[in-house]
Amino acid sequence: KEVRHPQQLPLRIQGQDSKGQIFVEVVLTQNISLSGACLLLNKEI
């Protein structure tokens, strides 16, 4: 429904990984839209 823009913006992500461990990671977006984003994480979620 929305255009994806190839913007690399810094974000801090926090939550739990697939093993239930809490993590905090600073990442750059791969692309963004008005209601979402695509990014690369070191943790499996």
Full PDB file with SEQRES, HELIX, SHEET, SSBOND, CRYST1, ORIGX, SCALE, CONECT and MASTER records, all heavy atoms in Angstrom:
SEQRES   1 A   45  LYS GLU VAL ARG HIS PRO GLN GLN LEU PRO LEU ARG ILE          
SEQRES   2 A   45  GLN GLY GLN ASP SER LYS GLY GLN ILE PHE VAL GLU VAL          
SEQRES   3 A   45  VAL LEU THR GLN ASN ILE SER LEU SER GLY ALA CYS LEU          
SEQRES   4 A   45  LEU LEU ASN LYS GLU ILE                                      
SHEET    1 AA1 3 PRO A  10  GLN A  16  0                                        
SHEET    2 AA1 3 ILE A  22  SER A  33 -1                                        
SHEET    3 AA1 3 GLY A  36  LEU A  39 -1                                        
CRYST1    1.000    1.000    1.000  90.00  90.00  90.00 P 1           1          
ORIGX1      1.000000  0.000000  0.000000        0.00000                         
ORIGX2      0.000000  1.000000  0.000000        0.00000                         
ORIGX3      0.000000  0.000000  1.000000        0.00000                         
SCALE1      1.000000  0.000000  0.000000        0.00000                         
SCALE2      0.000000  1.000000  0.000000        0.00000                         
SCALE3      0.000000  0.000000  1.000000        0.00000                         
ATOM      1  N   LYS A   1       0.814  -1.212   0.000  1.00  0.00           N  
ATOM      2  CA  LYS A   1       0.000   0.000   0.000  1.00  0.00           C  
ATOM      3  C   LYS A   1       0.845   1.257   0.000  1.00  0.00           C  
ATOM      4  O   LYS A   1       0.346   2.325  -0.312  1.00  0.00           O  
ATOM      5  CB  LYS A   1      -0.910   0.002   1.227  1.00  0.00           C  
ATOM      6  CG  LYS A   1      -1.931  -1.101   1.219  1.00  0.00           C  
ATOM      7  CD  LYS A   1      -2.772  -1.064   2.464  1.00  0.00           C  
ATOM      8  CE  LYS A   1      -3.733  -2.236   2.476  1.00  0.00           C  
ATOM      9  NZ  LYS A   1      -4.520  -2.264   3.703  1.00  0.00           N  
ATOM     10  N   GLU A   2       2.104   1.131   0.367  1.00  0.00           N  
ATOM     11  CA  GLU A   2       2.966   2.301   0.499  1.00  0.00           C  
ATOM     12  C   GLU A   2       4.294   2.087  -0.228  1.00  0.00           C  
ATOM     13  O   GLU A   2       4.780   0.970  -0.336  1.00  0.00           O  
ATOM     14  CB  GLU A   2       3.268   2.568   1.978  1.00  0.00           C  
ATOM     15  CG  GLU A   2       2.040   2.864   2.777  1.00  0.00           C  
ATOM     16  CD  GLU A   2       2.331   2.887   4.266  1.00  0.00           C  
ATOM     17  OE1 GLU A   2       3.441   2.547   4.701  1.00  0.00           O  
ATOM     18  OE2 GLU A   2       1.418   3.253   5.004  1.00  0.00           O  
ATOM     19  N   VAL A   3       4.861   3.182  -0.680  1.00  0.00           N  
ATOM     20  CA  VAL A   3       6.163   3.154  -1.326  1.00  0.00           C  
ATOM     21  C   VAL A   3       7.245   2.913  -0.271  1.00  0.00           C  
ATOM     22  O   VAL A   3       7.200   3.490   0.811  1.00  0.00           O  
ATOM     23  CB  VAL A   3       6.426   4.494  -2.042  1.00  0.00           C  
ATOM     24  CG1 VAL A   3       7.831   4.541  -2.618  1.00  0.00           C  
ATOM     25  CG2 VAL A   3       5.391   4.721  -3.124  1.00  0.00           C  
ATOM     26  N   ARG A   4       8.201   2.063  -0.593  1.00  0.00           N  
ATOM     27  CA  ARG A   4       9.364   1.851   0.274  1.00  0.00           C  
ATOM     28  C   ARG A   4      10.463   2.784  -0.214  1.00  0.00           C  
ATOM     29  O   ARG A   4      10.698   2.892  -1.419  1.00  0.00           O  
ATOM     30  CB  ARG A   4       9.870   0.417   0.175  1.00  0.00           C  
ATOM     31  CG  ARG A   4       9.238  -0.633   1.050  1.00  0.00           C  
ATOM     32  CD  ARG A   4       7.852  -0.411   1.386  1.00  0.00           C  
ATOM     33  NE  ARG A   4       7.299  -1.516   2.189  1.00  0.00           N  
ATOM     34  CZ  ARG A   4       6.018  -1.714   2.323  1.00  0.00           C  
ATOM     35  NH1 ARG A   4       5.155  -0.922   1.733  1.00  0.00           N  
ATOM     36  NH2 ARG A   4       5.565  -2.695   3.051  1.00  0.00           N  
ATOM     37  N   HIS A   5      11.146   3.447   0.722  1.00  0.00           N  
ATOM     38  CA  HIS A   5      12.229   4.372   0.396  1.00  0.00           C  
ATOM     39  C   HIS A   5      13.537   3.802   0.933  1.00  0.00           C  
ATOM     40  O   HIS A   5      13.610   3.429   2.094  1.00  0.00           O  
ATOM     41  CB  HIS A   5      11.977   5.740   1.027  1.00  0.00           C  
ATOM     42  CG  HIS A   5      10.715   6.366   0.557  1.00  0.00           C  
ATOM     43  ND1 HIS A   5      10.639   7.101  -0.599  1.00  0.00           N  
ATOM     44  CD2 HIS A   5       9.456   6.329   1.067  1.00  0.00           C  
ATOM     45  CE1 HIS A   5       9.397   7.510  -0.765  1.00  0.00           C  
ATOM     46  NE2 HIS A   5       8.656   7.053   0.220  1.00  0.00           N  
ATOM     47  N   PRO A   6      14.586   3.747   0.116  1.00  0.00           N  
ATOM     48  CA  PRO A   6      15.867   3.179   0.558  1.00  0.00           C  
ATOM     49  C   PRO A   6      16.635   4.152   1.454  1.00  0.00           C  
ATOM     50  O   PRO A   6      17.705   4.638   1.089  1.00  0.00           O  
ATOM     51  CB  PRO A   6      16.590   2.900  -0.760  1.00  0.00           C  
ATOM     52  CG  PRO A   6      16.054   3.941  -1.688  1.00  0.00           C  
ATOM     53  CD  PRO A   6      14.619   4.148  -1.286  1.00  0.00           C  
ATOM     54  N   GLN A   7      16.095   4.429   2.623  1.00  0.00           N  
ATOM     55  CA  GLN A   7      16.720   5.350   3.574  1.00  0.00           C  
ATOM     56  C   GLN A   7      17.456   4.558   4.653  1.00  0.00           C  
ATOM     57  O   GLN A   7      16.910   3.599   5.194  1.00  0.00           O  
ATOM     58  CB  GLN A   7      15.655   6.210   4.266  1.00  0.00           C  
ATOM     59  CG  GLN A   7      14.914   7.136   3.360  1.00  0.00           C  
ATOM     60  CD  GLN A   7      15.728   8.377   3.050  1.00  0.00           C  
ATOM     61  OE1 GLN A   7      16.595   8.774   3.814  1.00  0.00           O  
ATOM     62  NE2 GLN A   7      15.446   8.984   1.922  1.00  0.00           N  
ATOM     63  N   GLN A   8      18.669   4.974   4.951  1.00  0.00           N  
ATOM     64  CA  GLN A   8      19.404   4.366   6.060  1.00  0.00           C  
ATOM     65  C   GLN A   8      19.342   5.328   7.242  1.00  0.00           C  
ATOM     66  O   GLN A   8      20.079   6.313   7.294  1.00  0.00           O  
ATOM     67  CB  GLN A   8      20.842   4.077   5.667  1.00  0.00           C  
ATOM     68  CG  GLN A   8      20.936   2.940   4.668  1.00  0.00           C  
ATOM     69  CD  GLN A   8      22.353   2.451   4.526  1.00  0.00           C  
ATOM     70  OE1 GLN A   8      23.297   3.225   4.508  1.00  0.00           O  
ATOM     71  NE2 GLN A   8      22.505   1.150   4.410  1.00  0.00           N  
ATOM     72  N   LEU A   9      18.442   5.014   8.160  1.00  0.00           N  
ATOM     73  CA  LEU A   9      18.251   5.839   9.348  1.00  0.00           C  
ATOM     74  C   LEU A   9      18.621   5.038  10.585  1.00  0.00           C  
ATOM     75  O   LEU A   9      18.288   3.859  10.689  1.00  0.00           O  
ATOM     76  CB  LEU A   9      16.780   6.268   9.451  1.00  0.00           C  
ATOM     77  CG  LEU A   9      16.239   7.047   8.257  1.00  0.00           C  
ATOM     78  CD1 LEU A   9      14.748   7.250   8.413  1.00  0.00           C  
ATOM     79  CD2 LEU A   9      16.954   8.376   8.138  1.00  0.00           C  
ATOM     80  N   PRO A  10      19.304   5.668  11.539  1.00  0.00           N  
ATOM     81  CA  PRO A  10      19.672   4.943  12.757  1.00  0.00           C  
ATOM     82  C   PRO A  10      18.478   4.783  13.694  1.00  0.00           C  
ATOM     83  O   PRO A  10      17.731   5.727  13.942  1.00  0.00           O  
ATOM     84  CB  PRO A  10      20.749   5.834  13.387  1.00  0.00           C  
ATOM     85  CG  PRO A  10      20.425   7.206  12.887  1.00  0.00           C  
ATOM     86  CD  PRO A  10      19.820   7.035  11.529  1.00  0.00           C  
ATOM     87  N   LEU A  11      18.292   3.557  14.186  1.00  0.00           N  
ATOM     88  CA  LEU A  11      17.251   3.258  15.160  1.00  0.00           C  
ATOM     89  C   LEU A  11      17.834   2.392  16.260  1.00  0.00           C  
ATOM     90  O   LEU A  11      18.726   1.588  16.013  1.00  0.00           O  
ATOM     91  CB  LEU A  11      16.094   2.490  14.514  1.00  0.00           C  
ATOM     92  CG  LEU A  11      15.304   3.174  13.409  1.00  0.00           C  
ATOM     93  CD1 LEU A  11      14.268   2.204  12.840  1.00  0.00           C  
ATOM     94  CD2 LEU A  11      14.639   4.435  13.913  1.00  0.00           C  
ATOM     95  N   ARG A  12      17.314   2.563  17.460  1.00  0.00           N  
ATOM     96  CA  ARG A  12      17.662   1.658  18.570  1.00  0.00           C  
ATOM     97  C   ARG A  12      16.476   0.715  18.737  1.00  0.00           C  
ATOM     98  O   ARG A  12      15.336   1.146  18.861  1.00  0.00           O  
ATOM     99  CB  ARG A  12      17.915   2.429  19.855  1.00  0.00           C  
ATOM    100  CG  ARG A  12      18.318   1.514  21.010  1.00  0.00           C  
ATOM    101  CD  ARG A  12      18.751   2.304  22.228  1.00  0.00           C  
ATOM    102  NE  ARG A  12      17.789   3.306  22.611  1.00  0.00           N  
ATOM    103  CZ  ARG A  12      17.073   3.284  23.749  1.00  0.00           C  
ATOM    104  NH1 ARG A  12      17.222   2.312  24.604  1.00  0.00           N  
ATOM    105  NH2 ARG A  12      16.231   4.252  24.005  1.00  0.00           N  
ATOM    106  N   ILE A  13      16.768  -0.573  18.705  1.00  0.00           N  
ATOM    107  CA  ILE A  13      15.750  -1.612  18.797  1.00  0.00           C  
ATOM    108  C   ILE A  13      15.942  -2.346  20.111  1.00  0.00           C  
ATOM    109  O   ILE A  13      17.070  -2.693  20.459  1.00  0.00           O  
ATOM    110  CB  ILE A  13      15.906  -2.640  17.648  1.00  0.00           C  
ATOM    111  CG1 ILE A  13      16.067  -1.959  16.296  1.00  0.00           C  
ATOM    112  CG2 ILE A  13      14.782  -3.659  17.662  1.00  0.00           C  
ATOM    113  CD1 ILE A  13      14.885  -1.222  15.809  1.00  0.00           C  
ATOM    114  N   GLN A  14      14.848  -2.585  20.819  1.00  0.00           N  
ATOM    115  CA  GLN A  14      14.956  -3.429  22.006  1.00  0.00           C  
ATOM    116  C   GLN A  14      13.758  -4.360  22.086  1.00  0.00           C  
ATOM    117  O   GLN A  14      12.669  -4.034  21.621  1.00  0.00           O  
ATOM    118  CB  GLN A  14      15.111  -2.612  23.276  1.00  0.00           C  
ATOM    119  CG  GLN A  14      13.962  -1.746  23.669  1.00  0.00           C  
ATOM    120  CD  GLN A  14      14.294  -0.906  24.893  1.00  0.00           C  
ATOM    121  OE1 GLN A  14      15.336  -0.256  24.954  1.00  0.00           O  
ATOM    122  NE2 GLN A  14      13.413  -0.925  25.853  1.00  0.00           N  
ATOM    123  N   GLY A  15      14.023  -5.534  22.616  1.00  0.00           N  
ATOM    124  CA  GLY A  15      12.981  -6.548  22.737  1.00  0.00           C  
ATOM    125  C   GLY A  15      13.596  -7.855  23.184  1.00  0.00           C  
ATOM    126  O   GLY A  15      14.666  -7.862  23.814  1.00  0.00           O  
ATOM    127  N   GLN A  16      12.938  -8.953  22.850  1.00  0.00           N  
ATOM    128  CA  GLN A  16      13.451 -10.277  23.175  1.00  0.00           C  
ATOM    129  C   GLN A  16      13.767 -11.020  21.883  1.00  0.00           C  
ATOM    130  O   GLN A  16      13.024 -10.920  20.913  1.00  0.00           O  
ATOM    131  CB  GLN A  16      12.421 -11.076  23.966  1.00  0.00           C  
ATOM    132  CG  GLN A  16      12.181 -10.523  25.353  1.00  0.00           C  
ATOM    133  CD  GLN A  16      11.212 -11.386  26.136  1.00  0.00           C  
ATOM    134  OE1 GLN A  16      10.583 -12.282  25.606  1.00  0.00           O  
ATOM    135  NE2 GLN A  16      11.106 -11.104  27.414  1.00  0.00           N  
ATOM    136  N   ASP A  17      14.870 -11.762  21.907  1.00  0.00           N  
ATOM    137  CA  ASP A  17      15.212 -12.574  20.740  1.00  0.00           C  
ATOM    138  C   ASP A  17      14.397 -13.865  20.760  1.00  0.00           C  
ATOM    139  O   ASP A  17      13.550 -14.061  21.644  1.00  0.00           O  
ATOM    140  CB  ASP A  17      16.720 -12.818  20.659  1.00  0.00           C  
ATOM    141  CG  ASP A  17      17.273 -13.656  21.797  1.00  0.00           C  
ATOM    142  OD1 ASP A  17      16.493 -14.317  22.522  1.00  0.00           O  
ATOM    143  OD2 ASP A  17      18.500 -13.661  21.968  1.00  0.00           O  
ATOM    144  N   SER A  18      14.644 -14.743  19.811  1.00  0.00           N  
ATOM    145  CA  SER A  18      13.861 -15.975  19.686  1.00  0.00           C  
ATOM    146  C   SER A  18      14.057 -16.925  20.870  1.00  0.00           C  
ATOM    147  O   SER A  18      13.245 -17.818  21.078  1.00  0.00           O  
ATOM    148  CB  SER A  18      14.201 -16.694  18.385  1.00  0.00           C  
ATOM    149  OG  SER A  18      15.563 -17.063  18.378  1.00  0.00           O  
ATOM    150  N   LYS A  19      15.105 -16.696  21.654  1.00  0.00           N  
ATOM    151  CA  LYS A  19      15.374 -17.534  22.832  1.00  0.00           C  
ATOM    152  C   LYS A  19      14.855 -16.895  24.115  1.00  0.00           C  
ATOM    153  O   LYS A  19      15.078 -17.412  25.202  1.00  0.00           O  
ATOM    154  CB  LYS A  19      16.865 -17.798  22.950  1.00  0.00           C  
ATOM    155  CG  LYS A  19      17.420 -18.577  21.780  1.00  0.00           C  
ATOM    156  CD  LYS A  19      18.907 -18.743  21.874  1.00  0.00           C  
ATOM    157  CE  LYS A  19      19.414 -19.466  20.633  1.00  0.00           C  
ATOM    158  NZ  LYS A  19      20.864 -19.552  20.583  1.00  0.00           N  
ATOM    159  N   GLY A  20      14.202 -15.733  23.989  1.00  0.00           N  
ATOM    160  CA  GLY A  20      13.652 -15.058  25.156  1.00  0.00           C  
ATOM    161  C   GLY A  20      14.624 -14.136  25.869  1.00  0.00           C  
ATOM    162  O   GLY A  20      14.304 -13.586  26.922  1.00  0.00           O  
ATOM    163  N   GLN A  21      15.817 -13.955  25.310  1.00  0.00           N  
ATOM    164  CA  GLN A  21      16.822 -13.085  25.905  1.00  0.00           C  
ATOM    165  C   GLN A  21      16.569 -11.629  25.488  1.00  0.00           C  
ATOM    166  O   GLN A  21      16.340 -11.353  24.315  1.00  0.00           O  
ATOM    167  CB  GLN A  21      18.235 -13.495  25.463  1.00  0.00           C  
ATOM    168  CG  GLN A  21      18.620 -14.897  25.856  1.00  0.00           C  
ATOM    169  CD  GLN A  21      18.751 -15.043  27.362  1.00  0.00           C  
ATOM    170  OE1 GLN A  21      19.376 -14.230  28.021  1.00  0.00           O  
ATOM    171  NE2 GLN A  21      18.137 -16.089  27.898  1.00  0.00           N  
ATOM    172  N   ILE A  22      16.629 -10.710  26.443  1.00  0.00           N  
ATOM    173  CA  ILE A  22      16.443  -9.290  26.147  1.00  0.00           C  
ATOM    174  C   ILE A  22      17.672  -8.771  25.419  1.00  0.00           C  
ATOM    175  O   ILE A  22      18.804  -9.100  25.754  1.00  0.00           O  
ATOM    176  CB  ILE A  22      16.207  -8.499  27.446  1.00  0.00           C  
ATOM    177  CG1 ILE A  22      14.885  -8.947  28.074  1.00  0.00           C  
ATOM    178  CG2 ILE A  22      16.193  -6.999  27.186  1.00  0.00           C  
ATOM    179  CD1 ILE A  22      14.609  -8.379  29.439  1.00  0.00           C  
ATOM    180  N   PHE A  23      17.442  -7.950  24.385  1.00  0.00           N  
ATOM    181  CA  PHE A  23      18.554  -7.358  23.646  1.00  0.00           C  
ATOM    182  C   PHE A  23      18.251  -5.904  23.325  1.00  0.00           C  
ATOM    183  O   PHE A  23      17.103  -5.480  23.284  1.00  0.00           O  
ATOM    184  CB  PHE A  23      18.853  -8.138  22.356  1.00  0.00           C  
ATOM    185  CG  PHE A  23      17.836  -7.914  21.267  1.00  0.00           C  
ATOM    186  CD1 PHE A  23      18.036  -6.920  20.312  1.00  0.00           C  
ATOM    187  CD2 PHE A  23      16.689  -8.683  21.194  1.00  0.00           C  
ATOM    188  CE1 PHE A  23      17.101  -6.709  19.309  1.00  0.00           C  
ATOM    189  CE2 PHE A  23      15.758  -8.477  20.187  1.00  0.00           C  
ATOM    190  CZ  PHE A  23      15.959  -7.490  19.247  1.00  0.00           C  
ATOM    191  N   VAL A  24      19.312  -5.142  23.112  1.00  0.00           N  
ATOM    192  CA  VAL A  24      19.238  -3.765  22.627  1.00  0.00           C  
ATOM    193  C   VAL A  24      20.270  -3.667  21.517  1.00  0.00           C  
ATOM    194  O   VAL A  24      21.413  -4.090  21.689  1.00  0.00           O  
ATOM    195  CB  VAL A  24      19.550  -2.735  23.737  1.00  0.00           C  
ATOM    196  CG1 VAL A  24      19.571  -1.322  23.173  1.00  0.00           C  
ATOM    197  CG2 VAL A  24      18.558  -2.853  24.878  1.00  0.00           C  
ATOM    198  N   GLU A  25      19.865  -3.118  20.376  1.00  0.00           N  
ATOM    199  CA  GLU A  25      20.772  -3.037  19.242  1.00  0.00           C  
ATOM    200  C   GLU A  25      20.515  -1.735  18.481  1.00  0.00           C  
ATOM    201  O   GLU A  25      19.376  -1.331  18.309  1.00  0.00           O  
ATOM    202  CB  GLU A  25      20.515  -4.236  18.330  1.00  0.00           C  
ATOM    203  CG  GLU A  25      21.565  -4.454  17.284  1.00  0.00           C  
ATOM    204  CD  GLU A  25      21.365  -5.772  16.555  1.00  0.00           C  
ATOM    205  OE1 GLU A  25      20.815  -6.727  17.122  1.00  0.00           O  
ATOM    206  OE2 GLU A  25      21.780  -5.829  15.384  1.00  0.00           O  
ATOM    207  N   VAL A  26      21.588  -1.074  18.054  1.00  0.00           N  
ATOM    208  CA  VAL A  26      21.471   0.107  17.204  1.00  0.00           C  
ATOM    209  C   VAL A  26      21.712  -0.359  15.774  1.00  0.00           C  
ATOM    210  O   VAL A  26      22.714  -1.021  15.493  1.00  0.00           O  
ATOM    211  CB  VAL A  26      22.467   1.214  17.609  1.00  0.00           C  
ATOM    212  CG1 VAL A  26      22.408   2.383  16.632  1.00  0.00           C  
ATOM    213  CG2 VAL A  26      22.169   1.689  19.031  1.00  0.00           C  
ATOM    214  N   VAL A  27      20.774  -0.024  14.880  1.00  0.00           N  
ATOM    215  CA  VAL A  27      20.822  -0.497  13.497  1.00  0.00           C  
ATOM    216  C   VAL A  27      20.540   0.655  12.541  1.00  0.00           C  
ATOM    217  O   VAL A  27      20.095   1.719  12.952  1.00  0.00           O  
ATOM    218  CB  VAL A  27      19.778  -1.616  13.261  1.00  0.00           C  
ATOM    219  CG1 VAL A  27      20.036  -2.800  14.164  1.00  0.00           C  
ATOM    220  CG2 VAL A  27      18.371  -1.084  13.425  1.00  0.00           C  
ATOM    221  N   LEU A  28      20.791   0.407  11.266  1.00  0.00           N  
ATOM    222  CA  LEU A  28      20.370   1.312  10.198  1.00  0.00           C  
ATOM    223  C   LEU A  28      19.250   0.632   9.429  1.00  0.00           C  
ATOM    224  O   LEU A  28      19.335  -0.563   9.135  1.00  0.00           O  
ATOM    225  CB  LEU A  28      21.526   1.612   9.233  1.00  0.00           C  
ATOM    226  CG  LEU A  28      22.657   2.463   9.765  1.00  0.00           C  
ATOM    227  CD1 LEU A  28      23.778   2.549   8.737  1.00  0.00           C  
ATOM    228  CD2 LEU A  28      22.163   3.854  10.128  1.00  0.00           C  
ATOM    229  N   THR A  29      18.224   1.394   9.086  1.00  0.00           N  
ATOM    230  CA  THR A  29      17.155   0.825   8.274  1.00  0.00           C  
ATOM    231  C   THR A  29      17.683   0.526   6.877  1.00  0.00           C  
ATOM    232  O   THR A  29      18.587   1.198   6.385  1.00  0.00           O  
ATOM    233  CB  THR A  29      15.963   1.803   8.179  1.00  0.00           C  
ATOM    234  OG1 THR A  29      16.412   3.034   7.616  1.00  0.00           O  
ATOM    235  CG2 THR A  29      15.327   2.041   9.530  1.00  0.00           C  
ATOM    236  N   GLN A  30      17.106  -0.471   6.240  1.00  0.00           N  
ATOM    237  CA  GLN A  30      17.399  -0.783   4.844  1.00  0.00           C  
ATOM    238  C   GLN A  30      16.463   0.011   3.941  1.00  0.00           C  
ATOM    239  O   GLN A  30      16.846   0.499   2.902  1.00  0.00           O  
ATOM    240  CB  GLN A  30      17.217  -2.280   4.580  1.00  0.00           C  
ATOM    241  CG  GLN A  30      18.130  -3.159   5.400  1.00  0.00           C  
ATOM    242  CD  GLN A  30      19.580  -2.940   5.017  1.00  0.00           C  
ATOM    243  OE1 GLN A  30      19.951  -3.172   3.875  1.00  0.00           O  
ATOM    244  NE2 GLN A  30      20.387  -2.519   5.961  1.00  0.00           N  
ATOM    245  N   ASN A  31      15.198   0.091   4.378  1.00  0.00           N  
ATOM    246  CA  ASN A  31      14.212   0.925   3.707  1.00  0.00           C  
ATOM    247  C   ASN A  31      13.112   1.254   4.702  1.00  0.00           C  
ATOM    248  O   ASN A  31      12.974   0.583   5.724  1.00  0.00           O  
ATOM    249  CB  ASN A  31      13.671   0.267   2.428  1.00  0.00           C  
ATOM    250  CG  ASN A  31      12.899  -0.997   2.692  1.00  0.00           C  
ATOM    251  OD1 ASN A  31      11.880  -1.003   3.374  1.00  0.00           O  
ATOM    252  ND2 ASN A  31      13.391  -2.102   2.136  1.00  0.00           N  
ATOM    253  N   ILE A  32      12.334   2.299   4.373  1.00  0.00           N  
ATOM    254  CA  ILE A  32      11.256   2.724   5.261  1.00  0.00           C  
ATOM    255  C   ILE A  32      10.015   3.046   4.441  1.00  0.00           C  
ATOM    256  O   ILE A  32      10.096   3.316   3.246  1.00  0.00           O  
ATOM    257  CB  ILE A  32      11.644   3.956   6.110  1.00  0.00           C  
ATOM    258  CG1 ILE A  32      11.927   5.171   5.208  1.00  0.00           C  
ATOM    259  CG2 ILE A  32      12.830   3.656   7.007  1.00  0.00           C  
ATOM    260  CD1 ILE A  32      12.109   6.473   5.962  1.00  0.00           C  
ATOM    261  N   SER A  33       8.874   2.989   5.096  1.00  0.00           N  
ATOM    262  CA  SER A  33       7.615   3.459   4.533  1.00  0.00           C  
ATOM    263  C   SER A  33       6.922   4.232   5.647  1.00  0.00           C  
ATOM    264  O   SER A  33       7.423   4.300   6.769  1.00  0.00           O  
ATOM    265  CB  SER A  33       6.746   2.292   4.064  1.00  0.00           C  
ATOM    266  OG  SER A  33       6.257   1.562   5.164  1.00  0.00           O  
ATOM    267  N   LEU A  34       5.778   4.782   5.356  1.00  0.00           N  
ATOM    268  CA  LEU A  34       5.071   5.556   6.355  1.00  0.00           C  
ATOM    269  C   LEU A  34       4.711   4.713   7.573  1.00  0.00           C  
ATOM    270  O   LEU A  34       4.712   5.206   8.693  1.00  0.00           O  
ATOM    271  CB  LEU A  34       3.810   6.164   5.734  1.00  0.00           C  
ATOM    272  CG  LEU A  34       3.187   7.338   6.441  1.00  0.00           C  
ATOM    273  CD1 LEU A  34       4.194   8.467   6.653  1.00  0.00           C  
ATOM    274  CD2 LEU A  34       1.985   7.843   5.673  1.00  0.00           C  
ATOM    275  N   SER A  35       4.457   3.423   7.375  1.00  0.00           N  
ATOM    276  CA  SER A  35       4.019   2.594   8.500  1.00  0.00           C  
ATOM    277  C   SER A  35       4.953   1.441   8.847  1.00  0.00           C  
ATOM    278  O   SER A  35       4.586   0.564   9.617  1.00  0.00           O  
ATOM    279  CB  SER A  35       2.634   2.028   8.211  1.00  0.00           C  
ATOM    280  OG  SER A  35       2.694   1.165   7.104  1.00  0.00           O  
ATOM    281  N   GLY A  36       6.176   1.452   8.322  1.00  0.00           N  
ATOM    282  CA  GLY A  36       7.050   0.342   8.639  1.00  0.00           C  
ATOM    283  C   GLY A  36       8.482   0.558   8.216  1.00  0.00           C  
ATOM    284  O   GLY A  36       8.851   1.628   7.744  1.00  0.00           O  
ATOM    285  N   ALA A  37       9.282  -0.485   8.404  1.00  0.00           N  
ATOM    286  CA  ALA A  37      10.699  -0.426   8.054  1.00  0.00           C  
ATOM    287  C   ALA A  37      11.232  -1.837   7.862  1.00  0.00           C  
ATOM    288  O   ALA A  37      10.672  -2.805   8.369  1.00  0.00           O  
ATOM    289  CB  ALA A  37      11.488   0.281   9.151  1.00  0.00           C  
ATOM    290  N   CYS A  38      12.326  -1.914   7.137  1.00  0.00           N  
ATOM    291  CA  CYS A  38      13.080  -3.145   6.977  1.00  0.00           C  
ATOM    292  C   CYS A  38      14.475  -2.872   7.521  1.00  0.00           C  
ATOM    293  O   CYS A  38      15.060  -1.823   7.249  1.00  0.00           O  
ATOM    294  CB  CYS A  38      13.146  -3.540   5.508  1.00  0.00           C  
ATOM    295  SG  CYS A  38      14.197  -4.961   5.195  1.00  0.00           S  
ATOM    296  N   LEU A  39      15.004  -3.800   8.318  1.00  0.00           N  
ATOM    297  CA  LEU A  39      16.332  -3.604   8.900  1.00  0.00           C  
ATOM    298  C   LEU A  39      17.017  -4.940   9.122  1.00  0.00           C  
ATOM    299  O   LEU A  39      16.394  -5.988   9.010  1.00  0.00           O  
ATOM    300  CB  LEU A  39      16.231  -2.808  10.205  1.00  0.00           C  
ATOM    301  CG  LEU A  39      15.151  -3.226  11.211  1.00  0.00           C  
ATOM    302  CD1 LEU A  39      15.680  -4.253  12.170  1.00  0.00           C  
ATOM    303  CD2 LEU A  39      14.682  -1.996  11.955  1.00  0.00           C  
ATOM    304  N   LEU A  40      18.310  -4.881   9.402  1.00  0.00           N  
ATOM    305  CA  LEU A  40      19.093  -6.076   9.704  1.00  0.00           C  
ATOM    306  C   LEU A  40      19.411  -6.098  11.186  1.00  0.00           C  
ATOM    307  O   LEU A  40      19.885  -5.106  11.739  1.00  0.00           O  
ATOM    308  CB  LEU A  40      20.397  -6.083   8.914  1.00  0.00           C  
ATOM    309  CG  LEU A  40      20.291  -6.236   7.400  1.00  0.00           C  
ATOM    310  CD1 LEU A  40      21.674  -6.101   6.770  1.00  0.00           C  
ATOM    311  CD2 LEU A  40      19.655  -7.549   7.013  1.00  0.00           C  
ATOM    312  N   LEU A  41      19.176  -7.253  11.827  1.00  0.00           N  
ATOM    313  CA  LEU A  41      19.499  -7.443  13.244  1.00  0.00           C  
ATOM    314  C   LEU A  41      20.538  -8.546  13.392  1.00  0.00           C  
ATOM    315  O   LEU A  41      20.620  -9.444  12.555  1.00  0.00           O  
ATOM    316  CB  LEU A  41      18.252  -7.845  14.031  1.00  0.00           C  
ATOM    317  CG  LEU A  41      17.176  -6.810  14.252  1.00  0.00           C  
ATOM    318  CD1 LEU A  41      15.989  -7.433  14.971  1.00  0.00           C  
ATOM    319  CD2 LEU A  41      17.708  -5.630  15.047  1.00  0.00           C  
ATOM    320  N   ASN A  42      21.273  -8.491  14.489  1.00  0.00           N  
ATOM    321  CA  ASN A  42      22.203  -9.566  14.836  1.00  0.00           C  
ATOM    322  C   ASN A  42      21.491 -10.719  15.519  1.00  0.00           C  
ATOM    323  O   ASN A  42      22.004 -11.822  15.566  1.00  0.00           O  
ATOM    324  CB  ASN A  42      23.297  -9.048  15.765  1.00  0.00           C  
ATOM    325  CG  ASN A  42      24.280  -8.165  15.051  1.00  0.00           C  
ATOM    326  OD1 ASN A  42      24.790  -8.518  14.004  1.00  0.00           O  
ATOM    327  ND2 ASN A  42      24.533  -6.993  15.599  1.00  0.00           N  
ATOM    328  N   LYS A  43      20.313 -10.464  16.069  1.00  0.00           N  
ATOM    329  CA  LYS A  43      19.564 -11.460  16.839  1.00  0.00           C  
ATOM    330  C   LYS A  43      18.418 -12.029  16.023  1.00  0.00           C  
ATOM    331  O   LYS A  43      17.732 -11.312  15.301  1.00  0.00           O  
ATOM    332  CB  LYS A  43      18.974 -10.822  18.106  1.00  0.00           C  
ATOM    333  CG  LYS A  43      19.990 -10.233  19.044  1.00  0.00           C  
ATOM    334  CD  LYS A  43      20.711 -11.327  19.781  1.00  0.00           C  
ATOM    335  CE  LYS A  43      21.642 -10.736  20.827  1.00  0.00           C  
ATOM    336  NZ  LYS A  43      22.280 -11.750  21.613  1.00  0.00           N  
ATOM    337  N   GLU A  44      18.199 -13.320  16.165  1.00  0.00           N  
ATOM    338  CA  GLU A  44      17.032 -13.940  15.543  1.00  0.00           C  
ATOM    339  C   GLU A  44      15.806 -13.613  16.377  1.00  0.00           C  
ATOM    340  O   GLU A  44      15.830 -13.728  17.610  1.00  0.00           O  
ATOM    341  CB  GLU A  44      17.202 -15.462  15.468  1.00  0.00           C  
ATOM    342  CG  GLU A  44      16.026 -16.157  14.827  1.00  0.00           C  
ATOM    343  CD  GLU A  44      16.182 -17.666  14.801  1.00  0.00           C  
ATOM    344  OE1 GLU A  44      17.170 -18.198  15.342  1.00  0.00           O  
ATOM    345  OE2 GLU A  44      15.292 -18.310  14.226  1.00  0.00           O  
ATOM    346  N   ILE A  45      14.736 -13.180  15.709  1.00  0.00           N  
ATOM    347  CA  ILE A  45      13.489 -12.885  16.403  1.00  0.00           C  
ATOM    348  C   ILE A  45      12.348 -13.605  15.700  1.00  0.00           C  
ATOM    349  O   ILE A  45      12.515 -14.136  14.606  1.00  0.00           O  
ATOM    350  CB  ILE A  45      13.229 -11.365  16.480  1.00  0.00           C  
ATOM    351  CG1 ILE A  45      13.240 -10.739  15.098  1.00  0.00           C  
ATOM    352  CG2 ILE A  45      14.248 -10.687  17.377  1.00  0.00           C  
ATOM    353  CD1 ILE A  45      12.895  -9.277  15.100  1.00  0.00           C  
TER     354      ILE A  45                                                      
MASTER        0    0    0    0    3    0    0    6  353    1    0    4          
END                                                                             
